[in-house]
Structure formats: C-alpha cells, structure tokens
Amino acid sequence: MLQGIFRIILYGFLVYIVYLLYRFFKALSKVNKTQSNPSRHQGQMVKDEYCNTYLPQEEAIKEMIGGKEHYFCSKECRQKFIETKKPQ
C-alpha cells in the first residue's frame, strides 16, 4: 500500500517536471521570435539634412523651409541647419 502511494507521488512529480520544462521551452521560443524581428519601426526612414543621419519619419523633427519639408534628429541640428540657410 505504501509503495503504491509512493509510486503515485513519484509519477505526479515527474509530470510536474515535464510541465515545467514545456513552459520553459515555450517561453524560450517566444523570446527568440521577438529577437528575430529587429524592425521596430515600420515607417519610412528620412535623412537629417544637417548631420546626414537617417531616422524613422515618425521620430523626426519636421520643419517647412522654403516650401520644402526637412527632417532633423534633434533641435540642435534643426537650429544649425536654419542658421546655415540664413542669407549672409
């Protein structure tokens, strides 16, 4: 009788270990899927006209200058670009 109870406890413990391993590998596969998709930004890339870097359009600072829309990565680049466009 005692041997039967011990056997049931042992099988329950083994089932629990298999369940934990299943959850571990399932979570591990989710991590790999999110890491394999590096493109967070799905929008168009635009060029900062002052420092020549590219950034997502939705993150850029936009400025209309001379009827043309320009994009900048920071307020500093925007200000420096405007200063270089001033007539001397």
N, C-alpha and C. Protein backbone atom coordinates (compact mmCIF):
# COMPACT_ATOMS: atom_id res chain seq x y z
N MET A 1 0.82 -1.18 0.00
CA MET A 1 0.00 0.00 0.00
C MET A 1 0.87 1.26 0.00
N LEU A 2 1.87 1.30 0.88
CA LEU A 2 2.76 2.45 0.96
C LEU A 2 3.56 2.61 -0.33
N GLN A 3 3.90 1.48 -0.93
CA GLN A 3 4.64 1.52 -2.17
C GLN A 3 3.78 2.11 -3.29
N GLY A 4 2.50 1.86 -3.33
CA GLY A 4 1.59 2.41 -4.34
C GLY A 4 1.44 3.92 -4.21
N ILE A 5 1.37 4.42 -2.97
CA ILE A 5 1.26 5.86 -2.74
C ILE A 5 2.55 6.56 -3.17
N PHE A 6 3.67 5.93 -2.84
CA PHE A 6 4.96 6.49 -3.24
C PHE A 6 5.07 6.57 -4.76
N ARG A 7 4.59 5.54 -5.45
CA ARG A 7 4.63 5.50 -6.91
C ARG A 7 3.75 6.61 -7.50
N ILE A 8 2.59 6.86 -6.94
CA ILE A 8 1.70 7.92 -7.42
C ILE A 8 2.35 9.29 -7.21
N ILE A 9 2.98 9.49 -6.06
CA ILE A 9 3.66 10.76 -5.80
C ILE A 9 4.82 10.94 -6.78
N LEU A 10 5.56 9.89 -7.05
CA LEU A 10 6.67 9.95 -7.99
C LEU A 10 6.18 10.30 -9.39
N TYR A 11 5.11 9.68 -9.87
CA TYR A 11 4.56 9.99 -11.19
C TYR A 11 4.05 11.43 -11.25
N GLY A 12 3.42 11.87 -10.19
CA GLY A 12 2.96 13.26 -10.15
C GLY A 12 4.11 14.24 -10.23
N PHE A 13 5.18 13.94 -9.52
CA PHE A 13 6.37 14.78 -9.55
C PHE A 13 6.99 14.81 -10.94
N LEU A 14 7.06 13.66 -11.60
CA LEU A 14 7.62 13.60 -12.95
C LEU A 14 6.76 14.38 -13.95
N VAL A 15 5.45 14.29 -13.82
CA VAL A 15 4.54 15.05 -14.69
C VAL A 15 4.75 16.54 -14.47
N TYR A 16 4.92 16.94 -13.24
CA TYR A 16 5.16 18.35 -12.92
C TYR A 16 6.48 18.84 -13.53
N ILE A 17 7.53 18.05 -13.48
CA ILE A 17 8.82 18.40 -14.07
C ILE A 17 8.67 18.55 -15.59
N VAL A 18 7.96 17.63 -16.24
CA VAL A 18 7.74 17.72 -17.68
C VAL A 18 6.97 18.99 -18.01
N TYR A 19 5.97 19.33 -17.21
CA TYR A 19 5.19 20.55 -17.41
C TYR A 19 6.07 21.79 -17.29
N LEU A 20 6.95 21.84 -16.30
CA LEU A 20 7.85 22.98 -16.14
C LEU A 20 8.81 23.09 -17.33
N LEU A 21 9.33 21.98 -17.81
CA LEU A 21 10.20 22.00 -18.98
C LEU A 21 9.45 22.50 -20.21
N TYR A 22 8.22 22.08 -20.38
CA TYR A 22 7.39 22.53 -21.50
C TYR A 22 7.22 24.05 -21.44
N ARG A 23 6.88 24.59 -20.28
CA ARG A 23 6.69 26.04 -20.14
C ARG A 23 8.00 26.79 -20.40
N PHE A 24 9.10 26.25 -19.94
CA PHE A 24 10.40 26.88 -20.14
C PHE A 24 10.73 26.99 -21.62
N PHE A 25 10.59 25.89 -22.36
CA PHE A 25 10.94 25.91 -23.78
C PHE A 25 9.94 26.72 -24.60
N LYS A 26 8.70 26.76 -24.18
CA LYS A 26 7.71 27.58 -24.87
C LYS A 26 8.05 29.07 -24.68
N ALA A 27 8.41 29.46 -23.48
CA ALA A 27 8.80 30.85 -23.23
C ALA A 27 10.09 31.19 -23.97
N LEU A 28 11.01 30.26 -24.05
CA LEU A 28 12.26 30.47 -24.76
C LEU A 28 12.02 30.69 -26.24
N SER A 29 11.09 29.97 -26.82
CA SER A 29 10.79 30.16 -28.25
C SER A 29 10.13 31.51 -28.50
N LYS A 30 9.35 32.03 -27.56
CA LYS A 30 8.76 33.36 -27.71
C LYS A 30 9.84 34.43 -27.69
N VAL A 31 10.84 34.27 -26.84
CA VAL A 31 11.94 35.23 -26.77
C VAL A 31 12.69 35.25 -28.08
N ASN A 32 12.95 34.09 -28.66
CA ASN A 32 13.67 34.01 -29.92
C ASN A 32 12.88 34.64 -31.05
N LYS A 33 11.57 34.51 -31.05
CA LYS A 33 10.74 35.11 -32.09
C LYS A 33 10.77 36.62 -32.01
N THR A 34 10.73 37.18 -30.81
CA THR A 34 10.75 38.64 -30.69
C THR A 34 12.12 39.19 -31.02
N GLN A 35 13.18 38.45 -30.77
CA GLN A 35 14.53 38.93 -31.09
C GLN A 35 14.82 38.81 -32.58
N SER A 36 14.16 37.91 -33.28
CA SER A 36 14.44 37.73 -34.69
C SER A 36 13.75 38.78 -35.55
N ASN A 37 12.90 39.63 -34.96
CA ASN A 37 12.21 40.68 -35.70
C ASN A 37 12.74 42.03 -35.23
N PRO A 38 13.92 42.46 -35.74
CA PRO A 38 14.52 43.67 -35.22
C PRO A 38 13.89 44.96 -35.71
N SER A 39 13.04 44.91 -36.73
CA SER A 39 12.48 46.15 -37.28
C SER A 39 11.32 46.65 -36.42
N ARG A 40 11.65 47.45 -35.42
CA ARG A 40 10.62 48.04 -34.57
C ARG A 40 9.84 49.07 -35.35
N HIS A 41 10.56 49.84 -36.16
CA HIS A 41 9.94 50.93 -36.88
C HIS A 41 9.51 50.45 -38.25
N GLN A 42 8.26 50.63 -38.56
CA GLN A 42 7.77 50.16 -39.84
C GLN A 42 7.56 51.33 -40.80
N GLY A 43 7.82 52.55 -40.34
CA GLY A 43 7.63 53.72 -41.18
C GLY A 43 8.81 53.96 -42.09
N GLN A 44 8.73 55.05 -42.80
CA GLN A 44 9.76 55.44 -43.75
C GLN A 44 10.93 56.09 -43.03
N MET A 45 12.12 55.83 -43.52
CA MET A 45 13.32 56.46 -42.98
C MET A 45 13.56 57.76 -43.73
N VAL A 46 13.94 58.80 -42.98
CA VAL A 46 14.23 60.11 -43.57
C VAL A 46 15.63 60.54 -43.16
N LYS A 47 16.20 61.45 -43.93
CA LYS A 47 17.57 61.89 -43.70
C LYS A 47 17.57 63.25 -43.03
N ASP A 48 18.36 63.37 -41.97
CA ASP A 48 18.61 64.66 -41.35
C ASP A 48 19.54 65.41 -42.28
N GLU A 49 19.10 66.57 -42.76
CA GLU A 49 19.86 67.31 -43.77
C GLU A 49 21.12 67.97 -43.21
N TYR A 50 21.21 68.09 -41.90
CA TYR A 50 22.40 68.74 -41.33
C TYR A 50 23.50 67.73 -41.01
N CYS A 51 23.15 66.68 -40.26
CA CYS A 51 24.19 65.73 -39.84
C CYS A 51 24.20 64.44 -40.67
N ASN A 52 23.34 64.36 -41.70
CA ASN A 52 23.31 63.23 -42.64
C ASN A 52 23.05 61.88 -41.99
N THR A 53 22.24 61.85 -40.94
CA THR A 53 21.84 60.58 -40.34
C THR A 53 20.42 60.26 -40.78
N TYR A 54 20.09 58.98 -40.73
CA TYR A 54 18.74 58.53 -41.07
C TYR A 54 18.01 58.14 -39.79
N LEU A 55 16.71 58.46 -39.75
CA LEU A 55 15.89 58.11 -38.60
C LEU A 55 14.47 57.89 -39.08
N PRO A 56 13.65 57.19 -38.27
CA PRO A 56 12.25 56.97 -38.67
C PRO A 56 11.50 58.30 -38.76
N GLN A 57 10.69 58.43 -39.78
CA GLN A 57 9.98 59.68 -40.02
C GLN A 57 9.12 60.08 -38.82
N GLU A 58 8.51 59.11 -38.15
CA GLU A 58 7.64 59.43 -37.02
C GLU A 58 8.41 59.97 -35.80
N GLU A 59 9.73 59.79 -35.76
CA GLU A 59 10.54 60.30 -34.66
C GLU A 59 11.27 61.60 -35.01
N ALA A 60 11.19 62.00 -36.27
CA ALA A 60 11.95 63.17 -36.73
C ALA A 60 11.25 64.48 -36.36
N ILE A 61 12.05 65.52 -36.22
CA ILE A 61 11.53 66.88 -36.04
C ILE A 61 11.36 67.44 -37.44
N LYS A 62 10.13 67.89 -37.78
CA LYS A 62 9.83 68.37 -39.12
C LYS A 62 9.81 69.89 -39.14
N GLU A 63 10.31 70.43 -40.25
CA GLU A 63 10.33 71.88 -40.41
C GLU A 63 10.11 72.21 -41.89
N MET A 64 9.17 73.12 -42.17
CA MET A 64 8.95 73.60 -43.54
C MET A 64 9.86 74.80 -43.78
N ILE A 65 10.77 74.68 -44.72
CA ILE A 65 11.70 75.76 -45.05
C ILE A 65 11.66 75.93 -46.56
N GLY A 66 11.26 77.12 -46.99
CA GLY A 66 11.21 77.40 -48.42
C GLY A 66 10.25 76.51 -49.17
N GLY A 67 9.15 76.12 -48.54
CA GLY A 67 8.15 75.28 -49.19
C GLY A 67 8.52 73.80 -49.23
N LYS A 68 9.62 73.42 -48.62
CA LYS A 68 10.06 72.03 -48.60
C LYS A 68 10.13 71.55 -47.16
N GLU A 69 9.68 70.32 -46.94
CA GLU A 69 9.72 69.75 -45.60
C GLU A 69 11.08 69.12 -45.35
N HIS A 70 11.71 69.53 -44.28
CA HIS A 70 13.01 68.99 -43.87
C HIS A 70 12.84 68.23 -42.57
N TYR A 71 13.69 67.22 -42.35
CA TYR A 71 13.63 66.38 -41.15
C TYR A 71 14.95 66.49 -40.40
N PHE A 72 14.82 66.49 -39.05
CA PHE A 72 16.02 66.62 -38.21
C PHE A 72 15.94 65.63 -37.05
N CYS A 73 17.13 65.19 -36.60
CA CYS A 73 17.18 64.23 -35.50
C CYS A 73 17.10 64.92 -34.14
N SER A 74 17.44 66.22 -34.09
CA SER A 74 17.40 66.93 -32.82
C SER A 74 17.14 68.41 -33.06
N LYS A 75 16.81 69.10 -31.99
CA LYS A 75 16.58 70.55 -32.08
C LYS A 75 17.87 71.28 -32.44
N GLU A 76 18.99 70.75 -31.97
CA GLU A 76 20.28 71.37 -32.27
C GLU A 76 20.59 71.31 -33.77
N CYS A 77 20.36 70.15 -34.39
CA CYS A 77 20.59 70.03 -35.82
C CYS A 77 19.65 70.94 -36.60
N ARG A 78 18.42 71.03 -36.15
CA ARG A 78 17.44 71.91 -36.80
C ARG A 78 17.91 73.36 -36.75
N GLN A 79 18.35 73.79 -35.58
CA GLN A 79 18.79 75.17 -35.40
C GLN A 79 20.04 75.47 -36.24
N LYS A 80 20.99 74.56 -36.26
CA LYS A 80 22.21 74.76 -37.04
C LYS A 80 21.90 74.81 -38.53
N PHE A 81 20.97 73.98 -38.99
CA PHE A 81 20.58 73.99 -40.40
C PHE A 81 19.93 75.32 -40.76
N ILE A 82 19.05 75.82 -39.92
CA ILE A 82 18.38 77.10 -40.17
C ILE A 82 19.41 78.23 -40.22
N GLU A 83 20.39 78.18 -39.32
CA GLU A 83 21.44 79.21 -39.30
C GLU A 83 22.28 79.19 -40.58
N THR A 84 22.53 78.01 -41.13
CA THR A 84 23.33 77.95 -42.37
C THR A 84 22.53 78.39 -43.57
N LYS A 85 21.21 78.36 -43.49
CA LYS A 85 20.36 78.76 -44.61
C LYS A 85 20.04 80.25 -44.60
N LYS A 86 20.40 80.96 -43.53
CA LYS A 86 20.15 82.40 -43.47
C LYS A 86 21.00 83.13 -44.50
N PRO A 87 20.40 84.13 -45.18
CA PRO A 87 21.21 84.89 -46.14
C PRO A 87 22.29 85.70 -45.41
N GLN A 88 23.45 85.77 -45.97
CA GLN A 88 24.58 86.43 -45.34
C GLN A 88 24.67 87.87 -45.75
